[in-house]
Amino acid sequence: MTPSVPDFGALLRSAERSACHLEMRDSYGEDAVFADWRAGLPVERSEAYELPEEYAAWAALVRETVGRGVQVRRARVVSEPASAYIRWEHAITDRHNVALGEQVRWLPRSRASDLLLPGNDLWLVDERLVLFHWFTGDGEWAGHESTQDPDVVKAVTAAFEAVWERAVPHAQYTL
């Protein structure tokens, strides 16, 4: 593993075929829209989506990546019953992920017991580079590292594909 981490925008722009994101946590910290949703405000209200600059930049990056023919896939391994955070993510996935061109699937944790999964969330780009993400126990960002080690990339690719094969497409997954 290397301590240097490529700029994420440059990393996604370097993708030629695929960019795969594996999420395995039931919470990723607090967000203003999530806080509003928890307070009972509707998630589809338009003012919640006059997006901050960082989300607007993310949306543009994903659209650009998909527009170049790169397949962007996001797999979420989740507990059931789902946490409040996962219920919120599910509620906004059509608008925040699918609308940008991402393919999203959900795998209940109970159906993943026999899979060998990495210990951290990650991005896998073109089956050549893995960017691992670290989070605190409370779901706050704690850092990341990247690797192009062929053995790690091969293991991560196999793990992601096993999750993807077994997971339920977003349009069919209900909480």
N, C-alpha and C. Protein backbone atom coordinates (compact mmCIF):
# COMPACT_ATOMS: atom_id res chain seq x y z
N MET A 1 0.85 -1.17 0.00
CA MET A 1 0.00 0.00 0.00
C MET A 1 0.90 1.24 0.00
N THR A 2 0.46 2.23 -0.69
CA THR A 2 1.25 3.45 -0.77
C THR A 2 0.57 4.55 0.04
N PRO A 3 1.37 5.36 0.73
CA PRO A 3 0.77 6.45 1.50
C PRO A 3 0.26 7.57 0.61
N SER A 4 0.77 7.66 -0.63
CA SER A 4 0.30 8.72 -1.52
C SER A 4 -1.04 8.31 -2.12
N VAL A 5 -1.93 9.25 -2.15
CA VAL A 5 -3.27 8.98 -2.66
C VAL A 5 -3.52 9.91 -3.84
N PRO A 6 -3.92 9.36 -4.98
CA PRO A 6 -4.18 10.22 -6.14
C PRO A 6 -5.38 11.13 -5.88
N ASP A 7 -5.36 12.28 -6.52
CA ASP A 7 -6.51 13.16 -6.48
C ASP A 7 -7.71 12.39 -7.01
N PHE A 8 -8.83 12.42 -6.27
CA PHE A 8 -9.95 11.59 -6.66
C PHE A 8 -10.51 11.97 -8.03
N GLY A 9 -10.61 13.25 -8.32
CA GLY A 9 -11.09 13.67 -9.64
C GLY A 9 -10.21 13.13 -10.74
N ALA A 10 -8.90 13.23 -10.56
CA ALA A 10 -7.97 12.70 -11.56
C ALA A 10 -8.10 11.18 -11.66
N LEU A 11 -8.30 10.53 -10.52
CA LEU A 11 -8.45 9.08 -10.52
C LEU A 11 -9.67 8.66 -11.33
N LEU A 12 -10.81 9.30 -11.08
CA LEU A 12 -12.02 8.94 -11.82
C LEU A 12 -11.88 9.30 -13.30
N ARG A 13 -11.23 10.41 -13.57
CA ARG A 13 -11.01 10.79 -14.98
C ARG A 13 -10.06 9.83 -15.69
N SER A 14 -9.24 9.11 -14.92
CA SER A 14 -8.33 8.14 -15.54
C SER A 14 -9.02 6.82 -15.87
N ALA A 15 -10.21 6.62 -15.33
CA ALA A 15 -10.93 5.37 -15.58
C ALA A 15 -11.29 5.26 -17.06
N GLU A 16 -11.03 4.09 -17.61
CA GLU A 16 -11.34 3.85 -19.01
C GLU A 16 -12.54 2.93 -19.19
N ARG A 17 -12.75 2.01 -18.23
CA ARG A 17 -13.84 1.03 -18.36
C ARG A 17 -14.79 1.03 -17.16
N SER A 18 -14.21 1.07 -15.96
CA SER A 18 -15.07 0.92 -14.79
C SER A 18 -14.54 1.65 -13.57
N ALA A 19 -15.47 2.07 -12.75
CA ALA A 19 -15.18 2.66 -11.44
C ALA A 19 -16.23 2.07 -10.50
N CYS A 20 -15.77 1.26 -9.56
CA CYS A 20 -16.68 0.52 -8.67
C CYS A 20 -16.48 0.98 -7.24
N HIS A 21 -17.58 1.26 -6.58
CA HIS A 21 -17.54 1.74 -5.19
C HIS A 21 -18.22 0.71 -4.30
N LEU A 22 -17.51 0.23 -3.29
CA LEU A 22 -18.07 -0.71 -2.33
C LEU A 22 -18.24 0.00 -1.01
N GLU A 23 -19.49 0.04 -0.53
CA GLU A 23 -19.82 0.67 0.76
C GLU A 23 -20.32 -0.41 1.70
N MET A 24 -19.77 -0.42 2.92
CA MET A 24 -20.14 -1.49 3.84
C MET A 24 -20.53 -0.99 5.23
N ARG A 25 -20.70 0.29 5.40
CA ARG A 25 -21.06 0.83 6.71
C ARG A 25 -22.55 1.14 6.76
N ASP A 26 -23.09 1.17 7.96
CA ASP A 26 -24.50 1.50 8.14
C ASP A 26 -24.70 2.97 8.47
N SER A 27 -23.62 3.72 8.60
CA SER A 27 -23.71 5.15 8.86
C SER A 27 -22.42 5.82 8.41
N TYR A 28 -22.57 7.01 7.85
CA TYR A 28 -21.41 7.77 7.40
C TYR A 28 -21.42 9.18 7.98
N GLY A 29 -21.83 9.33 9.21
CA GLY A 29 -21.82 10.64 9.84
C GLY A 29 -23.05 11.46 9.47
N GLU A 30 -23.03 12.69 9.93
CA GLU A 30 -24.19 13.58 9.78
C GLU A 30 -24.01 14.47 8.55
N ASP A 31 -25.10 14.81 7.92
CA ASP A 31 -25.15 15.66 6.74
C ASP A 31 -26.39 16.52 6.91
N ALA A 32 -26.37 17.74 6.39
CA ALA A 32 -27.50 18.66 6.60
C ALA A 32 -28.81 18.10 6.07
N VAL A 33 -28.79 17.49 4.88
CA VAL A 33 -30.02 16.93 4.31
C VAL A 33 -30.47 15.72 5.13
N PHE A 34 -29.51 14.91 5.57
CA PHE A 34 -29.83 13.76 6.42
C PHE A 34 -30.45 14.25 7.74
N ALA A 35 -29.90 15.29 8.31
CA ALA A 35 -30.45 15.84 9.56
C ALA A 35 -31.88 16.33 9.35
N ASP A 36 -32.14 16.98 8.24
CA ASP A 36 -33.50 17.43 7.93
C ASP A 36 -34.43 16.23 7.78
N TRP A 37 -33.98 15.21 7.08
CA TRP A 37 -34.79 14.01 6.88
C TRP A 37 -35.11 13.36 8.23
N ARG A 38 -34.10 13.29 9.11
CA ARG A 38 -34.31 12.72 10.45
C ARG A 38 -35.33 13.54 11.24
N ALA A 39 -35.39 14.83 10.94
CA ALA A 39 -36.34 15.71 11.63
C ALA A 39 -37.73 15.62 11.04
N GLY A 40 -37.89 14.78 10.01
CA GLY A 40 -39.21 14.57 9.42
C GLY A 40 -39.52 15.43 8.22
N LEU A 41 -38.54 16.20 7.73
CA LEU A 41 -38.76 17.01 6.54
C LEU A 41 -38.65 16.13 5.30
N PRO A 42 -39.43 16.39 4.27
CA PRO A 42 -39.39 15.54 3.07
C PRO A 42 -38.04 15.66 2.36
N VAL A 43 -37.52 14.53 1.91
CA VAL A 43 -36.22 14.54 1.24
C VAL A 43 -36.30 15.06 -0.18
N GLU A 44 -37.48 15.14 -0.74
CA GLU A 44 -37.60 15.59 -2.12
C GLU A 44 -37.82 17.10 -2.24
N ARG A 45 -37.78 17.82 -1.13
CA ARG A 45 -37.99 19.27 -1.24
C ARG A 45 -36.84 19.90 -2.01
N SER A 46 -37.14 20.77 -2.92
CA SER A 46 -36.14 21.28 -3.86
C SER A 46 -35.03 22.05 -3.17
N GLU A 47 -35.32 22.79 -2.12
CA GLU A 47 -34.26 23.58 -1.49
C GLU A 47 -33.17 22.71 -0.86
N ALA A 48 -33.49 21.46 -0.55
CA ALA A 48 -32.48 20.56 0.00
C ALA A 48 -31.46 20.18 -1.06
N TYR A 49 -31.83 20.36 -2.33
CA TYR A 49 -30.97 19.93 -3.41
C TYR A 49 -30.39 21.08 -4.21
N GLU A 50 -30.46 22.27 -3.69
CA GLU A 50 -29.65 23.34 -4.26
C GLU A 50 -28.29 23.07 -3.66
N LEU A 51 -27.55 22.27 -4.35
CA LEU A 51 -26.45 21.52 -3.78
C LEU A 51 -25.21 22.36 -3.50
N PRO A 52 -24.53 22.01 -2.42
CA PRO A 52 -23.26 22.68 -2.15
C PRO A 52 -22.27 22.39 -3.26
N GLU A 53 -21.25 23.21 -3.33
CA GLU A 53 -20.27 23.10 -4.41
C GLU A 53 -19.67 21.70 -4.51
N GLU A 54 -19.36 21.07 -3.38
CA GLU A 54 -18.71 19.77 -3.46
C GLU A 54 -19.61 18.71 -4.07
N TYR A 55 -20.92 18.76 -3.81
CA TYR A 55 -21.80 17.78 -4.45
C TYR A 55 -21.96 18.12 -5.93
N ALA A 56 -22.07 19.40 -6.25
CA ALA A 56 -22.20 19.79 -7.66
C ALA A 56 -20.97 19.32 -8.44
N ALA A 57 -19.78 19.46 -7.84
CA ALA A 57 -18.56 19.00 -8.50
C ALA A 57 -18.57 17.47 -8.65
N TRP A 58 -19.05 16.77 -7.61
CA TRP A 58 -19.16 15.31 -7.67
C TRP A 58 -20.11 14.90 -8.79
N ALA A 59 -21.26 15.54 -8.85
CA ALA A 59 -22.26 15.20 -9.87
C ALA A 59 -21.69 15.41 -11.27
N ALA A 60 -20.99 16.51 -11.47
CA ALA A 60 -20.39 16.78 -12.78
C ALA A 60 -19.34 15.73 -13.12
N LEU A 61 -18.55 15.33 -12.13
CA LEU A 61 -17.51 14.33 -12.35
C LEU A 61 -18.12 12.98 -12.74
N VAL A 62 -19.17 12.57 -12.05
CA VAL A 62 -19.81 11.28 -12.37
C VAL A 62 -20.45 11.34 -13.75
N ARG A 63 -21.16 12.43 -14.05
CA ARG A 63 -21.77 12.56 -15.38
C ARG A 63 -20.71 12.52 -16.48
N GLU A 64 -19.61 13.22 -16.25
CA GLU A 64 -18.51 13.22 -17.22
C GLU A 64 -17.94 11.81 -17.40
N THR A 65 -17.75 11.10 -16.30
CA THR A 65 -17.18 9.76 -16.34
C THR A 65 -18.09 8.80 -17.09
N VAL A 66 -19.37 8.82 -16.73
CA VAL A 66 -20.35 7.96 -17.41
C VAL A 66 -20.46 8.36 -18.88
N GLY A 67 -20.40 9.65 -19.13
CA GLY A 67 -20.49 10.15 -20.50
C GLY A 67 -19.36 9.67 -21.40
N ARG A 68 -18.23 9.31 -20.81
CA ARG A 68 -17.10 8.77 -21.57
C ARG A 68 -17.23 7.26 -21.78
N GLY A 69 -18.34 6.69 -21.28
CA GLY A 69 -18.57 5.26 -21.46
C GLY A 69 -18.05 4.40 -20.32
N VAL A 70 -17.63 5.02 -19.22
CA VAL A 70 -17.15 4.28 -18.06
C VAL A 70 -18.36 3.82 -17.25
N GLN A 71 -18.36 2.56 -16.89
CA GLN A 71 -19.44 2.02 -16.07
C GLN A 71 -19.13 2.35 -14.60
N VAL A 72 -20.03 3.10 -13.95
CA VAL A 72 -19.86 3.45 -12.54
C VAL A 72 -20.88 2.63 -11.75
N ARG A 73 -20.35 1.74 -10.91
CA ARG A 73 -21.21 0.86 -10.12
C ARG A 73 -20.96 1.08 -8.63
N ARG A 74 -22.03 1.10 -7.86
CA ARG A 74 -21.97 1.29 -6.42
C ARG A 74 -22.73 0.13 -5.77
N ALA A 75 -22.03 -0.62 -4.92
CA ALA A 75 -22.65 -1.72 -4.18
C ALA A 75 -22.63 -1.37 -2.70
N ARG A 76 -23.79 -1.53 -2.07
CA ARG A 76 -23.92 -1.23 -0.64
C ARG A 76 -24.29 -2.50 0.11
N VAL A 77 -23.44 -2.88 1.05
CA VAL A 77 -23.72 -4.01 1.93
C VAL A 77 -24.33 -3.41 3.19
N VAL A 78 -25.58 -3.80 3.50
CA VAL A 78 -26.32 -3.12 4.57
C VAL A 78 -26.96 -4.10 5.55
N SER A 79 -27.11 -3.63 6.77
CA SER A 79 -27.82 -4.40 7.79
C SER A 79 -29.32 -4.24 7.60
N GLU A 80 -30.06 -5.24 8.01
CA GLU A 80 -31.52 -5.16 8.02
C GLU A 80 -32.01 -5.60 9.39
N PRO A 81 -32.93 -4.89 10.01
CA PRO A 81 -33.53 -3.68 9.45
C PRO A 81 -32.49 -2.58 9.30
N ALA A 82 -32.72 -1.73 8.33
CA ALA A 82 -31.75 -0.70 7.96
C ALA A 82 -31.68 0.40 9.01
N SER A 83 -30.48 0.96 9.14
CA SER A 83 -30.28 2.13 10.02
C SER A 83 -30.99 3.33 9.41
N ALA A 84 -31.15 4.36 10.19
CA ALA A 84 -31.74 5.61 9.68
C ALA A 84 -30.92 6.14 8.51
N TYR A 85 -29.61 6.06 8.62
CA TYR A 85 -28.76 6.56 7.55
C TYR A 85 -29.00 5.81 6.24
N ILE A 86 -29.08 4.49 6.32
CA ILE A 86 -29.32 3.69 5.11
C ILE A 86 -30.71 3.96 4.55
N ARG A 87 -31.71 4.13 5.41
CA ARG A 87 -33.05 4.48 4.90
C ARG A 87 -33.00 5.80 4.15
N TRP A 88 -32.27 6.76 4.68
CA TRP A 88 -32.11 8.06 4.02
C TRP A 88 -31.37 7.89 2.69
N GLU A 89 -30.26 7.13 2.70
CA GLU A 89 -29.52 6.90 1.45
C GLU A 89 -30.41 6.26 0.40
N HIS A 90 -31.19 5.29 0.81
CA HIS A 90 -32.09 4.62 -0.12
C HIS A 90 -33.09 5.62 -0.71
N ALA A 91 -33.58 6.51 0.14
CA ALA A 91 -34.58 7.50 -0.30
C ALA A 91 -34.01 8.48 -1.32
N ILE A 92 -32.72 8.76 -1.27
CA ILE A 92 -32.15 9.76 -2.19
C ILE A 92 -31.32 9.14 -3.31
N THR A 93 -31.20 7.82 -3.36
CA THR A 93 -30.35 7.17 -4.37
C THR A 93 -30.78 7.47 -5.79
N ASP A 94 -32.09 7.46 -6.06
CA ASP A 94 -32.52 7.77 -7.42
C ASP A 94 -32.03 9.14 -7.86
N ARG A 95 -32.14 10.10 -6.97
CA ARG A 95 -31.80 11.48 -7.31
C ARG A 95 -30.30 11.76 -7.24
N HIS A 96 -29.61 11.12 -6.31
CA HIS A 96 -28.20 11.43 -6.09
C HIS A 96 -27.23 10.49 -6.77
N ASN A 97 -27.67 9.34 -7.22
CA ASN A 97 -26.76 8.38 -7.83
C ASN A 97 -27.26 7.92 -9.19
N VAL A 98 -28.44 7.34 -9.23
CA VAL A 98 -28.98 6.78 -10.47
C VAL A 98 -29.15 7.88 -11.52
N ALA A 99 -29.63 9.04 -11.12
CA ALA A 99 -29.84 10.13 -12.08
C ALA A 99 -28.52 10.60 -12.71
N LEU A 100 -27.42 10.35 -12.03
CA LEU A 100 -26.11 10.75 -12.58
C LEU A 100 -25.55 9.70 -13.53
N GLY A 101 -26.17 8.51 -13.54
CA GLY A 101 -25.71 7.45 -14.41
C GLY A 101 -25.08 6.28 -13.68
N GLU A 102 -25.03 6.35 -12.35
CA GLU A 102 -24.50 5.22 -11.59
C GLU A 102 -25.48 4.06 -11.60
N GLN A 103 -24.94 2.87 -11.52
CA GLN A 103 -25.74 1.67 -11.26
C GLN A 103 -25.55 1.38 -9.77
N VAL A 104 -26.64 1.12 -9.06
CA VAL A 104 -26.57 0.91 -7.62
C VAL A 104 -27.26 -0.40 -7.26
N ARG A 105 -26.60 -1.17 -6.42
CA ARG A 105 -27.20 -2.40 -5.90
C ARG A 105 -27.01 -2.47 -4.39
N TRP A 106 -27.91 -3.22 -3.75
CA TRP A 106 -27.94 -3.37 -2.29
C TRP A 106 -27.83 -4.84 -1.94
N LEU A 107 -26.96 -5.15 -0.99
CA LEU A 107 -26.83 -6.52 -0.53
C LEU A 107 -27.06 -6.57 0.98
N PRO A 108 -28.15 -7.20 1.42
CA PRO A 108 -28.35 -7.35 2.86
C PRO A 108 -27.17 -8.12 3.46
N ARG A 109 -26.68 -7.62 4.57
CA ARG A 109 -25.52 -8.22 5.23
C ARG A 109 -25.73 -9.71 5.51
N SER A 110 -26.97 -10.10 5.79
CA SER A 110 -27.25 -11.51 6.08
C SER A 110 -27.00 -12.42 4.88
N ARG A 111 -26.98 -11.83 3.68
CA ARG A 111 -26.71 -12.62 2.46
C ARG A 111 -25.24 -12.54 2.04
N ALA A 112 -24.41 -11.90 2.88
CA ALA A 112 -23.00 -11.73 2.55
C ALA A 112 -22.08 -12.53 3.46
N SER A 113 -22.64 -13.33 4.35
CA SER A 113 -21.84 -14.02 5.37
C SER A 113 -20.77 -14.93 4.79
N ASP A 114 -21.02 -15.53 3.65
CA ASP A 114 -20.04 -16.45 3.08
C ASP A 114 -19.10 -15.78 2.07
N LEU A 115 -19.19 -14.45 1.94
CA LEU A 115 -18.30 -13.72 1.04
C LEU A 115 -17.07 -13.21 1.79
N LEU A 116 -15.95 -13.23 1.14
CA LEU A 116 -14.74 -12.64 1.71
C LEU A 116 -14.66 -11.20 1.25
N LEU A 117 -14.85 -10.27 2.21
CA LEU A 117 -14.92 -8.85 1.88
C LEU A 117 -13.75 -8.09 2.48
N PRO A 118 -13.30 -7.02 1.80
CA PRO A 118 -12.25 -6.18 2.37
C PRO A 118 -12.73 -5.56 3.69
N GLY A 119 -11.81 -5.12 4.49
CA GLY A 119 -12.15 -4.52 5.77
C GLY A 119 -12.59 -3.08 5.69
N ASN A 120 -12.50 -2.46 4.52
CA ASN A 120 -12.82 -1.05 4.38
C ASN A 120 -13.60 -0.79 3.10
N ASP A 121 -14.33 0.31 3.10
CA ASP A 121 -14.98 0.79 1.88
C ASP A 121 -13.88 1.11 0.87
N LEU A 122 -14.26 1.14 -0.40
CA LEU A 122 -13.22 1.35 -1.41
C LEU A 122 -13.79 1.78 -2.74
N TRP A 123 -12.91 2.27 -3.58
CA TRP A 123 -13.14 2.46 -5.01
C TRP A 123 -12.15 1.56 -5.74
N LEU A 124 -12.62 0.90 -6.77
CA LEU A 124 -11.79 0.04 -7.63
C LEU A 124 -11.90 0.63 -9.04
N VAL A 125 -10.76 1.02 -9.61
CA VAL A 125 -10.76 1.65 -10.92
C VAL A 125 -10.07 0.73 -11.93
N ASP A 126 -10.82 0.35 -12.95
CA ASP A 126 -10.32 -0.46 -14.08
C ASP A 126 -9.57 -1.70 -13.64
N GLU A 127 -9.93 -2.25 -12.51
CA GLU A 127 -9.25 -3.46 -12.01
C GLU A 127 -7.74 -3.28 -12.00
N ARG A 128 -7.29 -2.04 -11.70
CA ARG A 128 -5.85 -1.76 -11.65
C ARG A 128 -5.44 -1.01 -10.40
N LEU A 129 -6.37 -0.33 -9.74
CA LEU A 129 -6.05 0.48 -8.57
C LEU A 129 -7.20 0.43 -7.58
N VAL A 130 -6.86 0.33 -6.31
CA VAL A 130 -7.86 0.36 -5.24
C VAL A 130 -7.57 1.56 -4.35
N LEU A 131 -8.62 2.30 -4.06
CA LEU A 131 -8.54 3.41 -3.11
C LEU A 131 -9.40 3.02 -1.91
N PHE A 132 -8.74 2.69 -0.80
CA PHE A 132 -9.46 2.32 0.43
C PHE A 132 -9.81 3.57 1.21
N HIS A 133 -11.01 3.58 1.80
CA HIS A 133 -11.45 4.69 2.66
C HIS A 133 -11.56 4.20 4.09
N TRP A 134 -11.12 5.03 5.02
CA TRP A 134 -11.23 4.71 6.44
C TRP A 134 -12.21 5.65 7.10
N PHE A 135 -12.99 5.11 8.04
CA PHE A 135 -13.96 5.89 8.79
C PHE A 135 -13.81 5.58 10.28
N THR A 136 -14.21 6.53 11.10
CA THR A 136 -14.23 6.29 12.54
C THR A 136 -15.43 5.41 12.86
N GLY A 137 -15.52 4.97 14.10
CA GLY A 137 -16.68 4.18 14.52
C GLY A 137 -17.98 4.94 14.39
N ASP A 138 -17.92 6.27 14.44
CA ASP A 138 -19.11 7.11 14.31
C ASP A 138 -19.43 7.46 12.87
N GLY A 139 -18.65 6.94 11.94
CA GLY A 139 -18.91 7.18 10.52
C GLY A 139 -18.28 8.42 9.95
N GLU A 140 -17.40 9.05 10.69
CA GLU A 140 -16.71 10.26 10.19
C GLU A 140 -15.48 9.84 9.39
N TRP A 141 -15.11 10.67 8.42
CA TRP A 141 -13.97 10.41 7.56
C TRP A 141 -12.69 10.32 8.40
N ALA A 142 -11.83 9.32 8.12
CA ALA A 142 -10.59 9.16 8.87
C ALA A 142 -9.36 9.04 7.97
N GLY A 143 -9.54 9.02 6.65
CA GLY A 143 -8.40 8.95 5.75
C GLY A 143 -8.57 7.89 4.68
N HIS A 144 -7.50 7.72 3.90
CA HIS A 144 -7.55 6.73 2.84
C HIS A 144 -6.13 6.37 2.39
N GLU A 145 -6.05 5.31 1.61
CA GLU A 145 -4.79 4.90 1.01
C GLU A 145 -5.10 4.19 -0.30
N SER A 146 -4.11 4.18 -1.17
CA SER A 146 -4.31 3.50 -2.45
C SER A 146 -3.25 2.44 -2.66
N THR A 147 -3.59 1.51 -3.54
CA THR A 147 -2.64 0.46 -3.90
C THR A 147 -2.90 -0.01 -5.31
N GLN A 148 -1.83 -0.42 -5.96
CA GLN A 148 -1.92 -1.09 -7.25
C GLN A 148 -1.33 -2.49 -7.15
N ASP A 149 -1.11 -2.94 -5.92
CA ASP A 149 -0.58 -4.28 -5.70
C ASP A 149 -1.49 -5.28 -6.41
N PRO A 150 -0.96 -6.06 -7.35
CA PRO A 150 -1.80 -6.96 -8.14
C PRO A 150 -2.60 -7.96 -7.30
N ASP A 151 -2.02 -8.46 -6.20
CA ASP A 151 -2.74 -9.41 -5.36
C ASP A 151 -3.92 -8.75 -4.65
N VAL A 152 -3.73 -7.53 -4.17
CA VAL A 152 -4.81 -6.81 -3.50
C VAL A 152 -5.89 -6.45 -4.50
N VAL A 153 -5.49 -5.95 -5.66
CA VAL A 153 -6.45 -5.57 -6.70
C VAL A 153 -7.27 -6.79 -7.12
N LYS A 154 -6.61 -7.94 -7.28
CA LYS A 154 -7.32 -9.16 -7.68
C LYS A 154 -8.33 -9.57 -6.60
N ALA A 155 -7.93 -9.52 -5.34
CA ALA A 155 -8.83 -9.90 -4.24
C ALA A 155 -10.01 -8.94 -4.15
N VAL A 156 -9.75 -7.66 -4.28
CA VAL A 156 -10.82 -6.66 -4.21
C VAL A 156 -11.77 -6.81 -5.39
N THR A 157 -11.23 -7.06 -6.56
CA THR A 157 -12.08 -7.26 -7.75
C THR A 157 -13.00 -8.45 -7.54
N ALA A 158 -12.46 -9.55 -7.05
CA ALA A 158 -13.28 -10.74 -6.79
C ALA A 158 -14.35 -10.45 -5.75
N ALA A 159 -14.00 -9.73 -4.70
CA ALA A 159 -14.97 -9.40 -3.65
C ALA A 159 -16.08 -8.51 -4.20
N PHE A 160 -15.71 -7.48 -4.95
CA PHE A 160 -16.73 -6.58 -5.49
C PHE A 160 -17.66 -7.34 -6.43
N GLU A 161 -17.11 -8.13 -7.31
CA GLU A 161 -17.94 -8.86 -8.27
C GLU A 161 -18.86 -9.85 -7.58
N ALA A 162 -18.41 -10.47 -6.49
CA ALA A 162 -19.26 -11.40 -5.73
C ALA A 162 -20.43 -10.65 -5.10
N VAL A 163 -20.15 -9.48 -4.55
CA VAL A 163 -21.23 -8.65 -3.98
C VAL A 163 -22.18 -8.23 -5.08
N TRP A 164 -21.65 -7.73 -6.18
CA TRP A 164 -22.48 -7.23 -7.28
C TRP A 164 -23.41 -8.32 -7.83
N GLU A 165 -22.87 -9.49 -8.00
CA GLU A 165 -23.65 -10.61 -8.53
C GLU A 165 -24.83 -10.96 -7.62
N ARG A 166 -24.62 -10.90 -6.34
CA ARG A 166 -25.63 -11.30 -5.37
C ARG A 166 -26.58 -10.16 -4.97
N ALA A 167 -26.16 -8.94 -5.16
CA ALA A 167 -26.93 -7.78 -4.69
C ALA A 167 -28.18 -7.53 -5.53
N VAL A 168 -29.09 -6.79 -4.95
CA VAL A 168 -30.38 -6.47 -5.56
C VAL A 168 -30.29 -5.09 -6.22
N PRO A 169 -30.66 -4.96 -7.49
CA PRO A 169 -30.66 -3.64 -8.14
C PRO A 169 -31.53 -2.65 -7.35
N HIS A 170 -31.10 -1.41 -7.34
CA HIS A 170 -31.80 -0.38 -6.55
C HIS A 170 -33.30 -0.34 -6.81
N ALA A 171 -33.69 -0.39 -8.06
CA ALA A 171 -35.12 -0.29 -8.40
C ALA A 171 -35.95 -1.43 -7.80
N GLN A 172 -35.30 -2.53 -7.45
CA GLN A 172 -36.03 -3.69 -6.90
C GLN A 172 -35.84 -3.85 -5.40
N TYR A 173 -34.94 -3.09 -4.81
CA TYR A 173 -34.65 -3.27 -3.38
C TYR A 173 -35.59 -2.40 -2.54
N THR A 174 -36.29 -3.03 -1.65
CA THR A 174 -37.18 -2.29 -0.75
C THR A 174 -36.72 -2.48 0.68
N LEU A 175 -36.95 -1.48 1.47
CA LEU A 175 -36.59 -1.55 2.88
C LEU A 175 -37.74 -2.06 3.69
